[in-house]
């Protein structure tokens, strides 16, 4: 019951992203599934959280969308680097 998660979500995303940039197809598919799930969660949170959280949720959604564009082959890795800078 409860407890801390075994894997930090941010660290997992970082590792998957690094692997995806190196060309790991399996990792890209794993990250794509994870990002799609996170986008669903962010949309749900947007409806549930107070309006004060809207800027944070929108920034999160924007970064995840850019990541998903790369994972789908619709954008180059440079788009991700521009988004994080």
C-alpha atoms as a PDB file:
ATOM      1  CA  UNK A   1       0.000   0.000   0.000  1.00  0.00           C
ATOM      2  CA  UNK A   2       1.297   3.417  -0.921  1.00  0.00           C
ATOM      3  CA  UNK A   3       4.949   4.175  -0.669  1.00  0.00           C
ATOM      4  CA  UNK A   4       7.245   5.849  -3.137  1.00  0.00           C
ATOM      5  CA  UNK A   5       7.316   4.867  -6.790  1.00  0.00           C
ATOM      6  CA  UNK A   6      10.274   2.705  -7.723  1.00  0.00           C
ATOM      7  CA  UNK A   7      11.144   4.818 -10.721  1.00  0.00           C
ATOM      8  CA  UNK A   8      11.127   8.590 -10.910  1.00  0.00           C
ATOM      9  CA  UNK A   9       8.968   9.591 -13.903  1.00  0.00           C
ATOM     10  CA  UNK A  10      11.244  12.465 -14.868  1.00  0.00           C
ATOM     11  CA  UNK A  11      14.357  10.250 -14.813  1.00  0.00           C
ATOM     12  CA  UNK A  12      12.556   7.587 -16.849  1.00  0.00           C
ATOM     13  CA  UNK A  13      11.548  10.169 -19.465  1.00  0.00           C
ATOM     14  CA  UNK A  14      15.118  11.486 -19.596  1.00  0.00           C
ATOM     15  CA  UNK A  15      16.538   8.001 -20.158  1.00  0.00           C
ATOM     16  CA  UNK A  16      13.957   7.120 -22.787  1.00  0.00           C
ATOM     17  CA  UNK A  17      14.555  10.438 -24.569  1.00  0.00           C
ATOM     18  CA  UNK A  18      18.320   9.893 -24.626  1.00  0.00           C
ATOM     19  CA  UNK A  19      17.834   6.402 -26.014  1.00  0.00           C
ATOM     20  CA  UNK A  20      15.334   7.651 -28.593  1.00  0.00           C
ATOM     21  CA  UNK A  21      17.799  10.309 -29.765  1.00  0.00           C
ATOM     22  CA  UNK A  22      20.424   7.600 -30.250  1.00  0.00           C
ATOM     23  CA  UNK A  23      18.014   5.838 -32.578  1.00  0.00           C
ATOM     24  CA  UNK A  24      16.542   3.119 -30.369  1.00  0.00           C
ATOM     25  CA  UNK A  25      13.274   2.212 -32.100  1.00  0.00           C
ATOM     26  CA  UNK A  26      11.967   0.153 -29.192  1.00  0.00           C
ATOM     27  CA  UNK A  27      12.705   2.982 -26.762  1.00  0.00           C
ATOM     28  CA  UNK A  28      10.985   5.494 -29.041  1.00  0.00           C
ATOM     29  CA  UNK A  29       7.868   3.314 -28.992  1.00  0.00           C
ATOM     30  CA  UNK A  30       8.045   3.015 -25.199  1.00  0.00           C
ATOM     31  CA  UNK A  31       8.492   6.752 -24.780  1.00  0.00           C
ATOM     32  CA  UNK A  32       5.712   7.455 -27.266  1.00  0.00           C
ATOM     33  CA  UNK A  33       3.264   5.332 -25.243  1.00  0.00           C
ATOM     34  CA  UNK A  34       4.371   7.016 -22.023  1.00  0.00           C
ATOM     35  CA  UNK A  35       4.065  10.528 -23.473  1.00  0.00           C
ATOM     36  CA  UNK A  36       0.613   9.789 -24.904  1.00  0.00           C
ATOM     37  CA  UNK A  37      -0.494   8.623 -21.462  1.00  0.00           C
ATOM     38  CA  UNK A  38       0.957  11.715 -19.822  1.00  0.00           C
ATOM     39  CA  UNK A  39      -0.841  13.980 -22.290  1.00  0.00           C
ATOM     40  CA  UNK A  40      -4.094  12.283 -21.321  1.00  0.00           C
ATOM     41  CA  UNK A  41      -3.300  12.879 -17.637  1.00  0.00           C
ATOM     42  CA  UNK A  42      -2.420  16.544 -18.222  1.00  0.00           C
ATOM     43  CA  UNK A  43      -5.746  17.066 -20.009  1.00  0.00           C
ATOM     44  CA  UNK A  44      -7.539  15.493 -17.058  1.00  0.00           C
ATOM     45  CA  UNK A  45      -5.615  17.623 -14.560  1.00  0.00           C
ATOM     46  CA  UNK A  46      -6.449  20.769 -16.515  1.00  0.00           C
ATOM     47  CA  UNK A  47     -10.136  20.083 -15.868  1.00  0.00           C
ATOM     48  CA  UNK A  48      -9.598  19.261 -12.184  1.00  0.00           C
ATOM     49  CA  UNK A  49      -6.942  21.686 -10.927  1.00  0.00           C
ATOM     50  CA  UNK A  50      -7.517  25.336 -10.013  1.00  0.00           C
ATOM     51  CA  UNK A  51      -6.867  27.932 -12.735  1.00  0.00           C
ATOM     52  CA  UNK A  52      -3.602  28.920 -11.031  1.00  0.00           C
ATOM     53  CA  UNK A  53      -2.080  25.674 -12.320  1.00  0.00           C
ATOM     54  CA  UNK A  54      -3.023  26.393 -15.942  1.00  0.00           C
ATOM     55  CA  UNK A  55       0.362  27.922 -16.980  1.00  0.00           C
ATOM     56  CA  UNK A  56       2.304  24.954 -15.609  1.00  0.00           C
ATOM     57  CA  UNK A  57      -0.013  22.417 -17.194  1.00  0.00           C
ATOM     58  CA  UNK A  58       0.085  24.258 -20.531  1.00  0.00           C
ATOM     59  CA  UNK A  59       3.899  24.372 -20.514  1.00  0.00           C
ATOM     60  CA  UNK A  60       3.983  20.661 -19.679  1.00  0.00           C
ATOM     61  CA  UNK A  61       1.516  19.870 -22.468  1.00  0.00           C
ATOM     62  CA  UNK A  62       3.544  21.925 -24.936  1.00  0.00           C
ATOM     63  CA  UNK A  63       6.813  20.119 -24.148  1.00  0.00           C
ATOM     64  CA  UNK A  64       5.121  16.720 -24.313  1.00  0.00           C
ATOM     65  CA  UNK A  65       3.528  17.587 -27.678  1.00  0.00           C
ATOM     66  CA  UNK A  66       6.943  18.522 -29.115  1.00  0.00           C
ATOM     67  CA  UNK A  67       8.404  15.286 -27.802  1.00  0.00           C
ATOM     68  CA  UNK A  68       5.550  13.347 -29.384  1.00  0.00           C
ATOM     69  CA  UNK A  69       6.117  15.099 -32.727  1.00  0.00           C
ATOM     70  CA  UNK A  70       9.695  13.840 -32.720  1.00  0.00           C
ATOM     71  CA  UNK A  71       8.651  10.339 -31.677  1.00  0.00           C
ATOM     72  CA  UNK A  72       6.157  10.199 -34.548  1.00  0.00           C
ATOM     73  CA  UNK A  73       8.854  11.332 -36.996  1.00  0.00           C
ATOM     74  CA  UNK A  74       7.172  14.706 -37.578  1.00  0.00           C
ATOM     75  CA  UNK A  75      10.034  16.818 -36.161  1.00  0.00           C
ATOM     76  CA  UNK A  76      13.804  16.707 -35.857  1.00  0.00           C
ATOM     77  CA  UNK A  77      15.639  16.341 -32.543  1.00  0.00           C
ATOM     78  CA  UNK A  78      16.573  20.011 -32.767  1.00  0.00           C
ATOM     79  CA  UNK A  79      12.935  20.909 -32.052  1.00  0.00           C
ATOM     80  CA  UNK A  80      13.282  19.217 -28.686  1.00  0.00           C
ATOM     81  CA  UNK A  81      16.507  21.031 -27.915  1.00  0.00           C
ATOM     82  CA  UNK A  82      14.951  24.388 -28.836  1.00  0.00           C
ATOM     83  CA  UNK A  83      11.978  23.632 -26.596  1.00  0.00           C
ATOM     84  CA  UNK A  84      14.173  22.912 -23.590  1.00  0.00           C
ATOM     85  CA  UNK A  85      16.349  25.986 -24.003  1.00  0.00           C
END
